[in-house]
Amino acid sequence: MRGKTFGILTVMLVLVIVFCIKGTVMGGAKEQDGRNNHYYASLEQEYREKLRDMLDSQGLKNCGVNIRWVADGAESREYTVLLNHQRLGNMTREEIDHLQTILSEAEFDDAACSFSYVIG
């Protein structure tokens, strides 16, 4: 009976140690995610301000701007910028291409990020 109790206690202690190590590792990952989110949040704020200025200079004052991003496990982000303004629906393909070129100048320089635009 003593050997059985010792075996059960040993297994329980090993499980506790495994869960503690996992919690420590996961806590470090969450801290890193928090730093990354803060870093990207400041870049996104600056990007949004540049976009607004560029859109205003193109005569698209009060243009609706929505920015969505998707992150994959490799720390890269894909941004989709949705623009909504009454004038955008009346633009020719050349004007839209020109606008996308102008907007791409505001993109922040991070190799892990890619941008696409939905203009309508």
N, C-alpha and C. Protein backbone atom coordinates (compact mmCIF):
# COMPACT_ATOMS: atom_id res chain seq x y z
N MET A 1 0.81 -1.20 0.00
CA MET A 1 0.00 0.00 0.00
C MET A 1 0.86 1.26 0.00
N ARG A 2 1.99 1.19 0.73
CA ARG A 2 2.88 2.35 0.79
C ARG A 2 3.48 2.67 -0.57
N GLY A 3 3.86 1.68 -1.31
CA GLY A 3 4.44 1.87 -2.64
C GLY A 3 3.44 2.47 -3.60
N LYS A 4 2.20 2.05 -3.48
CA LYS A 4 1.15 2.58 -4.34
C LYS A 4 0.91 4.06 -4.03
N THR A 5 0.86 4.42 -2.76
CA THR A 5 0.66 5.81 -2.35
C THR A 5 1.83 6.67 -2.84
N PHE A 6 3.05 6.15 -2.69
CA PHE A 6 4.23 6.87 -3.16
C PHE A 6 4.16 7.09 -4.68
N GLY A 7 3.73 6.12 -5.43
CA GLY A 7 3.61 6.23 -6.88
C GLY A 7 2.58 7.27 -7.28
N ILE A 8 1.45 7.27 -6.59
CA ILE A 8 0.39 8.25 -6.89
C ILE A 8 0.87 9.66 -6.57
N LEU A 9 1.54 9.83 -5.42
CA LEU A 9 2.05 11.15 -5.05
C LEU A 9 3.12 11.62 -6.05
N THR A 10 3.96 10.71 -6.51
CA THR A 10 4.98 11.07 -7.48
C THR A 10 4.35 11.54 -8.78
N VAL A 11 3.36 10.83 -9.27
CA VAL A 11 2.67 11.22 -10.50
C VAL A 11 2.00 12.57 -10.32
N MET A 12 1.37 12.80 -9.18
CA MET A 12 0.69 14.08 -8.94
C MET A 12 1.70 15.23 -8.89
N LEU A 13 2.86 15.01 -8.25
CA LEU A 13 3.88 16.06 -8.20
C LEU A 13 4.45 16.35 -9.59
N VAL A 14 4.64 15.33 -10.39
CA VAL A 14 5.12 15.54 -11.76
C VAL A 14 4.10 16.35 -12.55
N LEU A 15 2.83 16.06 -12.40
CA LEU A 15 1.78 16.82 -13.10
C LEU A 15 1.77 18.28 -12.65
N VAL A 16 1.92 18.52 -11.36
CA VAL A 16 1.96 19.89 -10.85
C VAL A 16 3.15 20.64 -11.45
N ILE A 17 4.30 20.00 -11.49
CA ILE A 17 5.49 20.63 -12.06
C ILE A 17 5.27 20.94 -13.54
N VAL A 18 4.70 20.02 -14.29
CA VAL A 18 4.44 20.24 -15.72
C VAL A 18 3.50 21.42 -15.91
N PHE A 19 2.43 21.51 -15.13
CA PHE A 19 1.49 22.62 -15.26
C PHE A 19 2.14 23.94 -14.88
N CYS A 20 3.02 23.94 -13.88
CA CYS A 20 3.71 25.17 -13.49
C CYS A 20 4.64 25.65 -14.59
N ILE A 21 5.37 24.72 -15.19
CA ILE A 21 6.28 25.09 -16.28
C ILE A 21 5.49 25.61 -17.46
N LYS A 22 4.39 24.95 -17.79
CA LYS A 22 3.56 25.39 -18.91
C LYS A 22 3.02 26.79 -18.64
N GLY A 23 2.57 27.06 -17.42
CA GLY A 23 2.05 28.39 -17.07
C GLY A 23 3.11 29.46 -17.20
N THR A 24 4.34 29.14 -16.82
CA THR A 24 5.43 30.10 -16.95
C THR A 24 5.73 30.39 -18.41
N VAL A 25 5.79 29.37 -19.22
CA VAL A 25 6.06 29.55 -20.65
C VAL A 25 4.94 30.34 -21.30
N MET A 26 3.70 29.98 -21.01
CA MET A 26 2.56 30.68 -21.60
C MET A 26 2.50 32.12 -21.12
N GLY A 27 2.85 32.38 -19.86
CA GLY A 27 2.87 33.74 -19.35
C GLY A 27 3.87 34.60 -20.10
N GLY A 28 5.04 34.04 -20.42
CA GLY A 28 6.04 34.77 -21.20
C GLY A 28 5.55 35.06 -22.60
N ALA A 29 4.84 34.13 -23.20
CA ALA A 29 4.30 34.34 -24.54
C ALA A 29 3.25 35.45 -24.52
N LYS A 30 2.42 35.48 -23.49
CA LYS A 30 1.40 36.53 -23.40
C LYS A 30 2.05 37.90 -23.22
N GLU A 31 3.14 37.95 -22.46
CA GLU A 31 3.84 39.21 -22.27
C GLU A 31 4.41 39.71 -23.59
N GLN A 32 4.99 38.79 -24.38
CA GLN A 32 5.52 39.16 -25.69
C GLN A 32 4.40 39.63 -26.61
N ASP A 33 3.26 38.95 -26.58
CA ASP A 33 2.11 39.37 -27.39
C ASP A 33 1.67 40.77 -27.01
N GLY A 34 1.68 41.06 -25.72
CA GLY A 34 1.31 42.40 -25.26
C GLY A 34 2.25 43.46 -25.79
N ARG A 35 3.55 43.18 -25.78
CA ARG A 35 4.53 44.14 -26.32
C ARG A 35 4.31 44.32 -27.82
N ASN A 36 4.08 43.22 -28.55
CA ASN A 36 3.82 43.32 -29.99
C ASN A 36 2.56 44.13 -30.27
N ASN A 37 1.50 43.86 -29.51
CA ASN A 37 0.25 44.60 -29.72
C ASN A 37 0.44 46.09 -29.47
N HIS A 38 1.21 46.44 -28.45
CA HIS A 38 1.46 47.86 -28.17
C HIS A 38 2.27 48.49 -29.30
N TYR A 39 3.27 47.77 -29.79
CA TYR A 39 4.10 48.26 -30.89
C TYR A 39 3.24 48.51 -32.13
N TYR A 40 2.42 47.52 -32.50
CA TYR A 40 1.59 47.68 -33.69
C TYR A 40 0.48 48.71 -33.50
N ALA A 41 -0.02 48.84 -32.30
CA ALA A 41 -1.08 49.83 -32.04
C ALA A 41 -0.56 51.24 -32.30
N SER A 42 0.67 51.52 -31.90
CA SER A 42 1.21 52.85 -32.14
C SER A 42 1.47 53.08 -33.63
N LEU A 43 1.96 52.04 -34.33
CA LEU A 43 2.14 52.16 -35.79
C LEU A 43 0.81 52.37 -36.50
N GLU A 44 -0.21 51.64 -36.06
CA GLU A 44 -1.53 51.75 -36.69
C GLU A 44 -2.14 53.12 -36.47
N GLN A 45 -1.95 53.70 -35.29
CA GLN A 45 -2.48 55.03 -35.01
C GLN A 45 -1.83 56.06 -35.93
N GLU A 46 -0.53 55.99 -36.06
CA GLU A 46 0.19 56.90 -36.95
C GLU A 46 -0.25 56.70 -38.40
N TYR A 47 -0.43 55.45 -38.79
CA TYR A 47 -0.87 55.12 -40.15
C TYR A 47 -2.26 55.68 -40.42
N ARG A 48 -3.16 55.53 -39.46
CA ARG A 48 -4.53 56.04 -39.62
C ARG A 48 -4.52 57.56 -39.81
N GLU A 49 -3.68 58.25 -39.04
CA GLU A 49 -3.59 59.71 -39.17
C GLU A 49 -3.05 60.11 -40.55
N LYS A 50 -2.03 59.40 -41.02
CA LYS A 50 -1.49 59.68 -42.36
C LYS A 50 -2.55 59.44 -43.43
N LEU A 51 -3.30 58.34 -43.29
CA LEU A 51 -4.36 58.04 -44.25
C LEU A 51 -5.38 59.17 -44.30
N ARG A 52 -5.81 59.61 -43.14
CA ARG A 52 -6.82 60.68 -43.09
C ARG A 52 -6.30 61.94 -43.79
N ASP A 53 -5.04 62.30 -43.51
CA ASP A 53 -4.46 63.49 -44.15
C ASP A 53 -4.40 63.32 -45.66
N MET A 54 -3.99 62.14 -46.12
CA MET A 54 -3.89 61.90 -47.56
C MET A 54 -5.27 61.91 -48.22
N LEU A 55 -6.24 61.31 -47.57
CA LEU A 55 -7.59 61.30 -48.13
C LEU A 55 -8.17 62.71 -48.18
N ASP A 56 -7.94 63.50 -47.13
CA ASP A 56 -8.40 64.89 -47.13
C ASP A 56 -7.77 65.67 -48.27
N SER A 57 -6.48 65.44 -48.53
CA SER A 57 -5.79 66.16 -49.60
C SER A 57 -6.30 65.74 -50.98
N GLN A 58 -6.91 64.56 -51.08
CA GLN A 58 -7.47 64.06 -52.35
C GLN A 58 -8.95 64.44 -52.50
N GLY A 59 -9.44 65.27 -51.59
CA GLY A 59 -10.83 65.71 -51.67
C GLY A 59 -11.82 64.71 -51.10
N LEU A 60 -11.35 63.80 -50.29
CA LEU A 60 -12.22 62.78 -49.69
C LEU A 60 -12.34 63.02 -48.18
N LYS A 61 -12.74 64.22 -47.85
CA LYS A 61 -12.89 64.59 -46.44
C LYS A 61 -13.99 63.73 -45.80
N ASN A 62 -13.78 63.35 -44.57
CA ASN A 62 -14.71 62.51 -43.81
C ASN A 62 -14.92 61.13 -44.46
N CYS A 63 -13.89 60.63 -45.10
CA CYS A 63 -13.96 59.30 -45.70
C CYS A 63 -13.96 58.25 -44.58
N GLY A 64 -14.81 57.26 -44.72
CA GLY A 64 -14.84 56.17 -43.74
C GLY A 64 -13.62 55.28 -43.92
N VAL A 65 -12.90 55.06 -42.83
CA VAL A 65 -11.69 54.23 -42.87
C VAL A 65 -11.81 53.15 -41.81
N ASN A 66 -11.80 51.91 -42.25
CA ASN A 66 -11.78 50.78 -41.33
C ASN A 66 -10.52 49.97 -41.62
N ILE A 67 -9.81 49.64 -40.57
CA ILE A 67 -8.58 48.86 -40.72
C ILE A 67 -8.76 47.57 -39.96
N ARG A 68 -8.62 46.46 -40.68
CA ARG A 68 -8.69 45.13 -40.06
C ARG A 68 -7.37 44.42 -40.30
N TRP A 69 -6.98 43.61 -39.35
CA TRP A 69 -5.76 42.85 -39.55
C TRP A 69 -5.95 41.42 -39.07
N VAL A 70 -5.17 40.55 -39.70
CA VAL A 70 -5.15 39.14 -39.33
C VAL A 70 -3.69 38.79 -39.11
N ALA A 71 -3.40 38.17 -37.97
CA ALA A 71 -2.03 37.77 -37.66
C ALA A 71 -1.93 36.25 -37.75
N ASP A 72 -0.81 35.80 -38.29
CA ASP A 72 -0.58 34.36 -38.27
C ASP A 72 0.46 34.05 -37.20
N GLY A 73 0.76 32.81 -37.01
CA GLY A 73 1.66 32.40 -35.94
C GLY A 73 3.08 32.89 -36.12
N ALA A 74 3.46 33.29 -37.31
CA ALA A 74 4.83 33.72 -37.57
C ALA A 74 5.02 35.21 -37.34
N GLU A 75 4.11 35.84 -36.63
CA GLU A 75 4.16 37.27 -36.29
C GLU A 75 4.06 38.19 -37.50
N SER A 76 3.45 37.75 -38.57
CA SER A 76 3.19 38.64 -39.69
C SER A 76 1.72 39.05 -39.63
N ARG A 77 1.45 40.21 -40.14
CA ARG A 77 0.09 40.74 -40.14
C ARG A 77 -0.31 41.13 -41.54
N GLU A 78 -1.54 40.79 -41.88
CA GLU A 78 -2.13 41.21 -43.15
C GLU A 78 -3.21 42.23 -42.84
N TYR A 79 -3.02 43.44 -43.33
CA TYR A 79 -3.97 44.52 -43.09
C TYR A 79 -4.89 44.67 -44.30
N THR A 80 -6.16 44.86 -44.02
CA THR A 80 -7.13 45.20 -45.04
C THR A 80 -7.71 46.56 -44.66
N VAL A 81 -7.56 47.52 -45.56
CA VAL A 81 -8.04 48.87 -45.32
C VAL A 81 -9.28 49.07 -46.18
N LEU A 82 -10.42 49.33 -45.52
CA LEU A 82 -11.69 49.53 -46.21
C LEU A 82 -11.99 51.03 -46.22
N LEU A 83 -12.19 51.57 -47.40
CA LEU A 83 -12.49 52.99 -47.55
C LEU A 83 -13.90 53.15 -48.09
N ASN A 84 -14.63 54.10 -47.51
CA ASN A 84 -16.01 54.31 -47.94
C ASN A 84 -16.28 55.81 -48.04
N HIS A 85 -16.62 56.22 -49.25
CA HIS A 85 -16.97 57.63 -49.49
C HIS A 85 -17.81 57.66 -50.76
N GLN A 86 -18.73 58.58 -50.81
CA GLN A 86 -19.64 58.68 -51.95
C GLN A 86 -18.86 58.87 -53.26
N ARG A 87 -17.80 59.66 -53.24
CA ARG A 87 -17.03 59.93 -54.46
C ARG A 87 -16.27 58.71 -54.97
N LEU A 88 -15.97 57.78 -54.08
CA LEU A 88 -15.18 56.62 -54.49
C LEU A 88 -15.92 55.75 -55.49
N GLY A 89 -17.23 55.68 -55.38
CA GLY A 89 -18.02 54.88 -56.30
C GLY A 89 -18.04 55.42 -57.72
N ASN A 90 -17.72 56.71 -57.88
CA ASN A 90 -17.74 57.34 -59.20
C ASN A 90 -16.37 57.41 -59.85
N MET A 91 -15.35 56.88 -59.19
CA MET A 91 -13.98 56.98 -59.73
C MET A 91 -13.74 55.94 -60.82
N THR A 92 -12.89 56.31 -61.76
CA THR A 92 -12.48 55.37 -62.80
C THR A 92 -11.42 54.43 -62.24
N ARG A 93 -11.12 53.38 -62.99
CA ARG A 93 -10.11 52.41 -62.55
C ARG A 93 -8.75 53.09 -62.38
N GLU A 94 -8.42 54.02 -63.28
CA GLU A 94 -7.14 54.73 -63.21
C GLU A 94 -7.07 55.59 -61.95
N GLU A 95 -8.18 56.25 -61.61
CA GLU A 95 -8.21 57.08 -60.41
C GLU A 95 -8.06 56.23 -59.14
N ILE A 96 -8.69 55.07 -59.15
CA ILE A 96 -8.58 54.17 -58.00
C ILE A 96 -7.15 53.65 -57.87
N ASP A 97 -6.54 53.29 -58.99
CA ASP A 97 -5.14 52.83 -58.97
C ASP A 97 -4.22 53.93 -58.44
N HIS A 98 -4.46 55.15 -58.89
CA HIS A 98 -3.67 56.28 -58.42
C HIS A 98 -3.86 56.48 -56.90
N LEU A 99 -5.09 56.37 -56.45
CA LEU A 99 -5.37 56.52 -55.02
C LEU A 99 -4.67 55.42 -54.22
N GLN A 100 -4.69 54.19 -54.70
CA GLN A 100 -4.01 53.11 -54.00
C GLN A 100 -2.51 53.35 -53.93
N THR A 101 -1.95 53.90 -54.98
CA THR A 101 -0.52 54.22 -54.98
C THR A 101 -0.22 55.27 -53.91
N ILE A 102 -1.06 56.27 -53.84
CA ILE A 102 -0.88 57.33 -52.84
C ILE A 102 -1.01 56.75 -51.43
N LEU A 103 -2.03 55.91 -51.24
CA LEU A 103 -2.26 55.33 -49.92
C LEU A 103 -1.13 54.40 -49.49
N SER A 104 -0.52 53.72 -50.44
CA SER A 104 0.56 52.80 -50.09
C SER A 104 1.78 53.55 -49.55
N GLU A 105 1.89 54.84 -49.85
CA GLU A 105 2.99 55.65 -49.32
C GLU A 105 2.87 55.85 -47.81
N ALA A 106 1.68 55.70 -47.26
CA ALA A 106 1.48 55.88 -45.82
C ALA A 106 1.74 54.61 -45.03
N GLU A 107 1.89 53.48 -45.72
CA GLU A 107 2.08 52.21 -45.03
C GLU A 107 3.34 52.25 -44.17
N PHE A 108 3.26 51.67 -42.97
CA PHE A 108 4.44 51.65 -42.13
C PHE A 108 5.40 50.57 -42.60
N ASP A 109 6.66 50.85 -42.42
CA ASP A 109 7.73 50.02 -42.95
C ASP A 109 8.04 48.88 -41.98
N ASP A 110 7.30 47.81 -42.11
CA ASP A 110 7.53 46.61 -41.31
C ASP A 110 7.41 45.44 -42.26
N ALA A 111 8.50 44.71 -42.41
CA ALA A 111 8.54 43.62 -43.38
C ALA A 111 7.51 42.53 -43.09
N ALA A 112 7.06 42.45 -41.84
CA ALA A 112 6.10 41.41 -41.46
C ALA A 112 4.66 41.80 -41.79
N CYS A 113 4.45 42.99 -42.35
CA CYS A 113 3.09 43.47 -42.61
C CYS A 113 2.84 43.63 -44.11
N SER A 114 1.63 43.26 -44.52
CA SER A 114 1.21 43.49 -45.89
C SER A 114 -0.14 44.21 -45.87
N PHE A 115 -0.40 44.98 -46.91
CA PHE A 115 -1.60 45.79 -46.97
C PHE A 115 -2.38 45.51 -48.25
N SER A 116 -3.70 45.55 -48.11
CA SER A 116 -4.58 45.52 -49.27
C SER A 116 -5.70 46.53 -49.02
N TYR A 117 -6.28 47.02 -50.10
CA TYR A 117 -7.28 48.08 -50.00
C TYR A 117 -8.58 47.64 -50.67
N VAL A 118 -9.68 47.98 -50.01
CA VAL A 118 -11.01 47.78 -50.58
C VAL A 118 -11.61 49.19 -50.67
N ILE A 119 -11.79 49.65 -51.90
CA ILE A 119 -12.25 51.01 -52.12
C ILE A 119 -13.64 50.96 -52.71
N GLY A 120 -14.55 51.62 -52.03
CA GLY A 120 -15.91 51.60 -52.54
C GLY A 120 -16.83 52.55 -51.86
